[in-house]
Amino acid sequence: MAVSRRVVAMGGGGFSMEPDNPLLDTFVLSLARSPHPRVCFLPTASGDAEGYVARFYRAFAALDCRPTDLQLFARTVGDLEPFMLEQDVIYVGGGNTASMLAVWRTHGLDGLLRLAWEEGIVLCGLSAGMNCWFTESVTDSFDLGRLAPLHDGLGLLPGSACPHYDGEEERRPAFTRLVAAGELADGWAADDGAALVFAGTELEEVVASRPQAGAYRVERTIGDGVSERALPARYLGE
């Protein structure tokens, strides 16, 4: 039987942004290969912030799953490969995308995440946890006052990504400008509360925890222009 390689790339939402709205998180669990899935939280982008990890456990303790986490700044797991491959869902939190990727590569986690994906473990996350799966993205990792392109994502998914498309005022104009200029490849954008669901490298659907949240395909056009196409979204609350 063919392995289903799934990525759920959230523009924003989930337990850390919508603590009273579990629709995206329960949707992710529904994709897992186990009816009572192991869920591992990677808080690397936040510097393994204790409060963020605690919020994860509070949220997922109420769901039908077995939550755990992997911290790399005060690492307690010795052999990462068996630990990662026993998970059913790997959930990446928000924070600094560039710093997260550097730490992952130092610990060899970049290759293990690709292996987990190939083994059928569901990969998901929001913000930095959306950006990381793509080859490129727009991020404030380098300067909190300025959005800039990042070109060294994990590359499981081709093209570029932009989270918080409606949630932060500068995201939409920055992303469309960078794509139009050829500084970022054609890509995908997601509002807070929306998630792009990929099967392999193909978009399967868009789901949303808010009725008006959406996602978009953004492409460069001839003459340094840009097109933005809204994608059909399925509201999970219905």
C-alpha atoms as a PDB file:
ATOM      1  CA  MET A   1       0.000   0.000   0.000  1.00  0.00           C
ATOM      2  CA  ALA A   2       1.354   3.427  -0.944  1.00  0.00           C
ATOM      3  CA  VAL A   3       2.377   5.702   1.933  1.00  0.00           C
ATOM      4  CA  SER A   4       0.449   8.971   2.150  1.00  0.00           C
ATOM      5  CA  ARG A   5       2.899  11.838   2.637  1.00  0.00           C
ATOM      6  CA  ARG A   6       0.966  14.696   4.179  1.00  0.00           C
ATOM      7  CA  VAL A   7       1.845  18.255   5.165  1.00  0.00           C
ATOM      8  CA  VAL A   8      -0.686  20.598   6.787  1.00  0.00           C
ATOM      9  CA  ALA A   9       0.677  24.132   6.447  1.00  0.00           C
ATOM     10  CA  MET A  10      -1.247  26.583   8.633  1.00  0.00           C
ATOM     11  CA  GLY A  11      -1.079  30.308   8.038  1.00  0.00           C
ATOM     12  CA  GLY A  12      -1.930  30.735  11.691  1.00  0.00           C
ATOM     13  CA  GLY A  13      -4.245  29.160  14.216  1.00  0.00           C
ATOM     14  CA  GLY A  14      -4.178  25.954  16.182  1.00  0.00           C
ATOM     15  CA  PHE A  15      -3.774  25.776  19.949  1.00  0.00           C
ATOM     16  CA  SER A  16      -1.339  28.691  20.212  1.00  0.00           C
ATOM     17  CA  MET A  17      -3.473  31.235  18.349  1.00  0.00           C
ATOM     18  CA  GLU A  18      -6.980  29.835  18.815  1.00  0.00           C
ATOM     19  CA  PRO A  19      -6.992  28.179  22.249  1.00  0.00           C
ATOM     20  CA  ASP A  20     -10.784  27.909  22.250  1.00  0.00           C
ATOM     21  CA  ASN A  21     -11.034  26.621  18.690  1.00  0.00           C
ATOM     22  CA  PRO A  22      -9.521  23.135  18.224  1.00  0.00           C
ATOM     23  CA  LEU A  23     -10.798  22.625  14.668  1.00  0.00           C
ATOM     24  CA  LEU A  24      -7.408  22.715  12.920  1.00  0.00           C
ATOM     25  CA  ASP A  25      -5.692  20.583  15.535  1.00  0.00           C
ATOM     26  CA  THR A  26      -8.406  17.907  15.539  1.00  0.00           C
ATOM     27  CA  PHE A  27      -8.314  17.897  11.738  1.00  0.00           C
ATOM     28  CA  VAL A  28      -4.573  17.177  11.818  1.00  0.00           C
ATOM     29  CA  LEU A  29      -5.135  14.285  14.213  1.00  0.00           C
ATOM     30  CA  SER A  30      -7.763  12.861  11.860  1.00  0.00           C
ATOM     31  CA  LEU A  31      -5.077  12.411   9.176  1.00  0.00           C
ATOM     32  CA  ALA A  32      -2.789  10.337  11.395  1.00  0.00           C
ATOM     33  CA  ARG A  33      -2.131   6.664  10.700  1.00  0.00           C
ATOM     34  CA  SER A  34      -3.175   5.717  14.251  1.00  0.00           C
ATOM     35  CA  PRO A  35      -6.595   6.248  15.873  1.00  0.00           C
ATOM     36  CA  HIS A  36      -4.807   7.352  19.080  1.00  0.00           C
ATOM     37  CA  PRO A  37      -1.817   9.139  17.544  1.00  0.00           C
ATOM     38  CA  ARG A  38       1.503  10.120  19.059  1.00  0.00           C
ATOM     39  CA  VAL A  39       1.939  13.864  18.549  1.00  0.00           C
ATOM     40  CA  CYS A  40       5.367  15.471  18.938  1.00  0.00           C
ATOM     41  CA  PHE A  41       5.639  19.245  19.335  1.00  0.00           C
ATOM     42  CA  LEU A  42       8.790  20.972  18.056  1.00  0.00           C
ATOM     43  CA  PRO A  43       9.094  24.366  19.793  1.00  0.00           C
ATOM     44  CA  THR A  44      12.510  25.136  18.281  1.00  0.00           C
ATOM     45  CA  ALA A  45      11.482  28.393  16.586  1.00  0.00           C
ATOM     46  CA  SER A  46      10.548  29.873  19.958  1.00  0.00           C
ATOM     47  CA  GLY A  47      13.838  28.817  21.541  1.00  0.00           C
ATOM     48  CA  ASP A  48      11.968  25.950  23.269  1.00  0.00           C
ATOM     49  CA  ALA A  49       9.924  28.451  25.278  1.00  0.00           C
ATOM     50  CA  GLU A  50       8.574  26.721  28.378  1.00  0.00           C
ATOM     51  CA  GLY A  51       5.232  28.512  28.248  1.00  0.00           C
ATOM     52  CA  TYR A  52       4.669  27.457  24.647  1.00  0.00           C
ATOM     53  CA  VAL A  53       5.377  23.822  25.464  1.00  0.00           C
ATOM     54  CA  ALA A  54       3.006  24.006  28.440  1.00  0.00           C
ATOM     55  CA  ARG A  55       0.217  25.377  26.246  1.00  0.00           C
ATOM     56  CA  PHE A  56       0.740  22.491  23.829  1.00  0.00           C
ATOM     57  CA  TYR A  57       0.321  19.924  26.585  1.00  0.00           C
ATOM     58  CA  ARG A  58      -2.757  21.661  27.999  1.00  0.00           C
ATOM     59  CA  ALA A  59      -4.405  21.709  24.564  1.00  0.00           C
ATOM     60  CA  PHE A  60      -3.533  18.201  23.427  1.00  0.00           C
ATOM     61  CA  ALA A  61      -4.221  16.537  26.765  1.00  0.00           C
ATOM     62  CA  ALA A  62      -7.875  17.260  26.005  1.00  0.00           C
ATOM     63  CA  LEU A  63      -7.690  15.510  22.621  1.00  0.00           C
ATOM     64  CA  ASP A  64      -7.554  11.813  21.766  1.00  0.00           C
ATOM     65  CA  CYS A  65      -3.794  11.525  21.328  1.00  0.00           C
ATOM     66  CA  ARG A  66      -0.488  10.931  23.107  1.00  0.00           C
ATOM     67  CA  PRO A  67       1.405  14.260  23.265  1.00  0.00           C
ATOM     68  CA  THR A  68       5.157  14.617  23.641  1.00  0.00           C
ATOM     69  CA  ASP A  69       7.765  17.221  22.696  1.00  0.00           C
ATOM     70  CA  LEU A  70      11.320  17.459  21.454  1.00  0.00           C
ATOM     71  CA  GLN A  71      13.489  20.271  22.768  1.00  0.00           C
ATOM     72  CA  LEU A  72      16.917  20.827  21.250  1.00  0.00           C
ATOM     73  CA  PHE A  73      18.389  23.627  23.376  1.00  0.00           C
ATOM     74  CA  ALA A  74      18.289  21.439  26.494  1.00  0.00           C
ATOM     75  CA  ARG A  75      18.182  18.160  24.647  1.00  0.00           C
ATOM     76  CA  THR A  76      17.038  15.085  26.549  1.00  0.00           C
ATOM     77  CA  VAL A  77      16.533  12.637  23.649  1.00  0.00           C
ATOM     78  CA  GLY A  78      19.731  10.866  22.648  1.00  0.00           C
ATOM     79  CA  ASP A  79      18.969   8.924  19.464  1.00  0.00           C
ATOM     80  CA  LEU A  80      16.624  11.152  17.488  1.00  0.00           C
ATOM     81  CA  GLU A  81      15.806   8.805  14.620  1.00  0.00           C
ATOM     82  CA  PRO A  82      13.771   6.155  16.477  1.00  0.00           C
ATOM     83  CA  PHE A  83      12.113   8.866  18.552  1.00  0.00           C
ATOM     84  CA  MET A  84      10.989  10.788  15.477  1.00  0.00           C
ATOM     85  CA  LEU A  85       9.876   7.733  13.532  1.00  0.00           C
ATOM     86  CA  GLU A  86       7.636   6.458  16.330  1.00  0.00           C
ATOM     87  CA  GLN A  87       5.499   9.601  16.061  1.00  0.00           C
ATOM     88  CA  ASP A  88       2.289   9.840  14.044  1.00  0.00           C
ATOM     89  CA  VAL A  89       2.155  13.650  13.872  1.00  0.00           C
ATOM     90  CA  ILE A  90       4.984  16.185  14.117  1.00  0.00           C
ATOM     91  CA  TYR A  91       3.722  19.668  14.963  1.00  0.00           C
ATOM     92  CA  VAL A  92       6.049  22.665  14.478  1.00  0.00           C
ATOM     93  CA  GLY A  93       5.398  25.844  16.437  1.00  0.00           C
ATOM     94  CA  GLY A  94       5.913  29.459  15.425  1.00  0.00           C
ATOM     95  CA  GLY A  95       8.844  31.777  15.983  1.00  0.00           C
ATOM     96  CA  ASN A  96      12.051  32.472  14.084  1.00  0.00           C
ATOM     97  CA  THR A  97      12.158  30.369  10.884  1.00  0.00           C
ATOM     98  CA  ALA A  98      15.821  30.954  10.041  1.00  0.00           C
ATOM     99  CA  SER A  99      17.101  30.171  13.538  1.00  0.00           C
ATOM    100  CA  MET A 100      14.921  27.068  13.728  1.00  0.00           C
ATOM    101  CA  LEU A 101      16.279  25.701  10.454  1.00  0.00           C
ATOM    102  CA  ALA A 102      19.862  26.302  11.576  1.00  0.00           C
ATOM    103  CA  VAL A 103      19.312  24.442  14.857  1.00  0.00           C
ATOM    104  CA  TRP A 104      17.550  21.575  13.084  1.00  0.00           C
ATOM    105  CA  ARG A 105      20.472  21.179  10.692  1.00  0.00           C
ATOM    106  CA  THR A 106      22.971  21.216  13.544  1.00  0.00           C
ATOM    107  CA  HIS A 107      21.158  18.256  15.134  1.00  0.00           C
ATOM    108  CA  GLY A 108      20.429  16.447  11.862  1.00  0.00           C
ATOM    109  CA  LEU A 109      16.713  16.946  12.264  1.00  0.00           C
ATOM    110  CA  ASP A 110      16.284  18.251   8.712  1.00  0.00           C
ATOM    111  CA  GLY A 111      17.011  14.829   7.246  1.00  0.00           C
ATOM    112  CA  LEU A 112      14.891  13.066   9.866  1.00  0.00           C
ATOM    113  CA  LEU A 113      11.888  15.246   9.060  1.00  0.00           C
ATOM    114  CA  ARG A 114      12.177  14.283   5.408  1.00  0.00           C
ATOM    115  CA  LEU A 115      12.397  10.637   6.426  1.00  0.00           C
ATOM    116  CA  ALA A 116       9.354  11.021   8.683  1.00  0.00           C
ATOM    117  CA  TRP A 117       7.413  12.545   5.781  1.00  0.00           C
ATOM    118  CA  GLU A 118       8.414   9.683   3.501  1.00  0.00           C
ATOM    119  CA  GLU A 119       7.276   7.201   6.191  1.00  0.00           C
ATOM    120  CA  GLY A 120       3.783   8.690   6.299  1.00  0.00           C
ATOM    121  CA  ILE A 121       4.068  10.740   9.489  1.00  0.00           C
ATOM    122  CA  VAL A 122       1.864  13.833   9.239  1.00  0.00           C
ATOM    123  CA  LEU A 123       3.893  17.052   9.307  1.00  0.00           C
ATOM    124  CA  CYS A 124       2.171  20.271  10.296  1.00  0.00           C
ATOM    125  CA  GLY A 125       2.678  23.655  11.874  1.00  0.00           C
ATOM    126  CA  LEU A 126       1.906  27.337  11.780  1.00  0.00           C
ATOM    127  CA  SER A 127       3.902  30.430  10.874  1.00  0.00           C
ATOM    128  CA  ALA A 128       7.530  29.212  10.996  1.00  0.00           C
ATOM    129  CA  GLY A 129       5.908  25.780  11.085  1.00  0.00           C
ATOM    130  CA  MET A 130       4.325  26.569   7.730  1.00  0.00           C
ATOM    131  CA  ASN A 131       7.372  28.190   6.149  1.00  0.00           C
ATOM    132  CA  CYS A 132       9.788  25.388   6.934  1.00  0.00           C
ATOM    133  CA  TRP A 133       8.309  22.739   4.613  1.00  0.00           C
ATOM    134  CA  PHE A 134       8.733  24.868   1.475  1.00  0.00           C
ATOM    135  CA  THR A 135      11.865  25.743  -0.466  1.00  0.00           C
ATOM    136  CA  GLU A 136      11.341  29.469   0.082  1.00  0.00           C
ATOM    137  CA  SER A 137       9.256  31.777   2.260  1.00  0.00           C
ATOM    138  CA  VAL A 138       8.793  35.334   3.445  1.00  0.00           C
ATOM    139  CA  THR A 139       9.882  35.879   7.032  1.00  0.00           C
ATOM    140  CA  ASP A 140      10.750  38.453   9.679  1.00  0.00           C
ATOM    141  CA  SER A 141      13.531  36.175  10.967  1.00  0.00           C
ATOM    142  CA  PHE A 142      16.289  38.603  10.000  1.00  0.00           C
ATOM    143  CA  ASP A 143      14.740  41.903  11.080  1.00  0.00           C
ATOM    144  CA  LEU A 144      11.593  42.246  13.181  1.00  0.00           C
ATOM    145  CA  GLY A 145      10.708  45.442  11.351  1.00  0.00           C
ATOM    146  CA  ARG A 146      11.106  44.061   7.834  1.00  0.00           C
ATOM    147  CA  LEU A 147       9.920  41.036   5.901  1.00  0.00           C
ATOM    148  CA  ALA A 148      12.507  39.386   3.663  1.00  0.00           C
ATOM    149  CA  PRO A 149      12.881  36.271   1.510  1.00  0.00           C
ATOM    150  CA  LEU A 150      14.307  33.057   2.927  1.00  0.00           C
ATOM    151  CA  HIS A 151      15.650  30.589   0.362  1.00  0.00           C
ATOM    152  CA  ASP A 152      16.828  27.570   2.359  1.00  0.00           C
ATOM    153  CA  GLY A 153      13.717  25.864   3.687  1.00  0.00           C
ATOM    154  CA  LEU A 154      13.538  22.075   3.903  1.00  0.00           C
ATOM    155  CA  GLY A 155      12.179  21.891   0.363  1.00  0.00           C
ATOM    156  CA  LEU A 156       9.720  19.057   0.908  1.00  0.00           C
ATOM    157  CA  LEU A 157       7.265  21.259  -0.960  1.00  0.00           C
ATOM    158  CA  PRO A 158       8.407  23.299  -3.965  1.00  0.00           C
ATOM    159  CA  GLY A 159       7.914  27.026  -4.289  1.00  0.00           C
ATOM    160  CA  SER A 160       7.377  29.668  -1.646  1.00  0.00           C
ATOM    161  CA  ALA A 161       5.087  30.249   1.327  1.00  0.00           C
ATOM    162  CA  CYS A 162       3.550  33.129   3.236  1.00  0.00           C
ATOM    163  CA  PRO A 163       1.685  32.637   6.540  1.00  0.00           C
ATOM    164  CA  HIS A 164      -0.436  35.257   8.341  1.00  0.00           C
ATOM    165  CA  TYR A 165      -1.641  36.555   4.968  1.00  0.00           C
ATOM    166  CA  ASP A 166      -4.522  38.481   6.514  1.00  0.00           C
ATOM    167  CA  GLY A 167      -3.214  38.626  10.066  1.00  0.00           C
ATOM    168  CA  GLU A 168      -0.255  40.973   9.641  1.00  0.00           C
ATOM    169  CA  GLU A 169      -0.621  44.135   7.581  1.00  0.00           C
ATOM    170  CA  GLU A 170       2.659  43.861   5.674  1.00  0.00           C
ATOM    171  CA  ARG A 171       2.495  40.148   4.756  1.00  0.00           C
ATOM    172  CA  ARG A 172       0.315  40.349   1.654  1.00  0.00           C
ATOM    173  CA  PRO A 173       2.068  43.324  -0.012  1.00  0.00           C
ATOM    174  CA  ALA A 174       5.527  41.962   0.829  1.00  0.00           C
ATOM    175  CA  PHE A 175       4.803  38.498  -0.553  1.00  0.00           C
ATOM    176  CA  THR A 176       3.186  39.698  -3.756  1.00  0.00           C
ATOM    177  CA  ARG A 177       6.006  42.201  -4.296  1.00  0.00           C
ATOM    178  CA  LEU A 178       8.717  39.576  -3.822  1.00  0.00           C
ATOM    179  CA  VAL A 179       7.005  37.100  -6.148  1.00  0.00           C
ATOM    180  CA  ALA A 180       6.441  39.800  -8.780  1.00  0.00           C
ATOM    181  CA  ALA A 181      10.123  40.755  -8.626  1.00  0.00           C
ATOM    182  CA  GLY A 182      11.280  37.146  -8.931  1.00  0.00           C
ATOM    183  CA  GLU A 183      12.898  37.265  -5.483  1.00  0.00           C
ATOM    184  CA  LEU A 184      10.590  34.446  -4.419  1.00  0.00           C
ATOM    185  CA  ALA A 185       9.259  31.620  -6.551  1.00  0.00           C
ATOM    186  CA  ASP A 186       5.542  31.253  -7.214  1.00  0.00           C
ATOM    187  CA  GLY A 187       3.905  30.033  -4.052  1.00  0.00           C
ATOM    188  CA  TRP A 188       1.141  29.682  -1.524  1.00  0.00           C
ATOM    189  CA  ALA A 189      -0.333  32.033   1.058  1.00  0.00           C
ATOM    190  CA  ALA A 190      -2.648  31.248   3.970  1.00  0.00           C
ATOM    191  CA  ASP A 191      -4.688  33.444   6.273  1.00  0.00           C
ATOM    192  CA  ASP A 192      -4.737  32.940  10.014  1.00  0.00           C
ATOM    193  CA  GLY A 193      -7.147  30.072  10.568  1.00  0.00           C
ATOM    194  CA  ALA A 194      -6.514  28.484   7.167  1.00  0.00           C
ATOM    195  CA  ALA A 195      -4.373  25.472   6.301  1.00  0.00           C
ATOM    196  CA  LEU A 196      -3.057  24.130   3.004  1.00  0.00           C
ATOM    197  CA  VAL A 197      -3.206  20.331   2.963  1.00  0.00           C
ATOM    198  CA  PHE A 198      -0.666  18.643   0.680  1.00  0.00           C
ATOM    199  CA  ALA A 199      -0.650  15.006  -0.387  1.00  0.00           C
ATOM    200  CA  GLY A 200       2.888  14.431  -1.582  1.00  0.00           C
ATOM    201  CA  THR A 201       3.766  17.715  -3.272  1.00  0.00           C
ATOM    202  CA  GLU A 202       0.273  18.367  -4.635  1.00  0.00           C
ATOM    203  CA  LEU A 203      -2.332  20.540  -2.941  1.00  0.00           C
ATOM    204  CA  GLU A 204      -5.179  18.300  -1.794  1.00  0.00           C
ATOM    205  CA  GLU A 205      -7.458  20.890  -0.208  1.00  0.00           C
ATOM    206  CA  VAL A 206      -7.673  23.993   1.958  1.00  0.00           C
ATOM    207  CA  VAL A 207      -9.373  23.764   5.346  1.00  0.00           C
ATOM    208  CA  ALA A 208     -10.296  26.545   7.739  1.00  0.00           C
ATOM    209  CA  SER A 209     -11.167  27.007  11.399  1.00  0.00           C
ATOM    210  CA  ARG A 210     -12.841  30.342  10.676  1.00  0.00           C
ATOM    211  CA  PRO A 211     -15.623  30.787   8.084  1.00  0.00           C
ATOM    212  CA  GLN A 212     -13.858  33.598   6.198  1.00  0.00           C
ATOM    213  CA  ALA A 213     -10.265  32.317   6.370  1.00  0.00           C
ATOM    214  CA  GLY A 214      -8.742  31.410   3.027  1.00  0.00           C
ATOM    215  CA  ALA A 215      -5.640  30.556   1.059  1.00  0.00           C
ATOM    216  CA  TYR A 216      -4.198  31.701  -2.248  1.00  0.00           C
ATOM    217  CA  ARG A 217      -1.971  30.724  -5.123  1.00  0.00           C
ATOM    218  CA  VAL A 218       0.368  33.623  -5.938  1.00  0.00           C
ATOM    219  CA  GLU A 219       2.257  33.598  -9.245  1.00  0.00           C
ATOM    220  CA  ARG A 220       4.483  35.939 -11.185  1.00  0.00           C
ATOM    221  CA  THR A 221       3.079  37.153 -14.490  1.00  0.00           C
ATOM    222  CA  ILE A 222       4.740  38.569 -17.593  1.00  0.00           C
ATOM    223  CA  GLY A 223       6.133  42.048 -17.070  1.00  0.00           C
ATOM    224  CA  ASP A 224       6.895  41.825 -13.353  1.00  0.00           C
ATOM    225  CA  GLY A 225       3.246  41.500 -12.408  1.00  0.00           C
ATOM    226  CA  VAL A 226       1.597  39.068 -10.038  1.00  0.00           C
ATOM    227  CA  SER A 227      -1.638  37.106  -9.934  1.00  0.00           C
ATOM    228  CA  GLU A 228      -3.395  36.050  -6.752  1.00  0.00           C
ATOM    229  CA  ARG A 229      -5.976  33.279  -7.037  1.00  0.00           C
ATOM    230  CA  ALA A 230      -8.242  32.459  -4.106  1.00  0.00           C
ATOM    231  CA  LEU A 231      -8.515  28.724  -3.464  1.00  0.00           C
ATOM    232  CA  PRO A 232     -11.705  26.928  -2.404  1.00  0.00           C
ATOM    233  CA  ALA A 233     -11.684  26.369   1.346  1.00  0.00           C
ATOM    234  CA  ARG A 234     -13.647  23.907   3.472  1.00  0.00           C
ATOM    235  CA  TYR A 235     -14.797  25.308   6.792  1.00  0.00           C
ATOM    236  CA  LEU A 236     -14.258  22.647   9.441  1.00  0.00           C
ATOM    237  CA  GLY A 237     -17.047  23.902  11.668  1.00  0.00           C
ATOM    238  CA  GLU A 238     -19.825  22.661   9.421  1.00  0.00           C
END
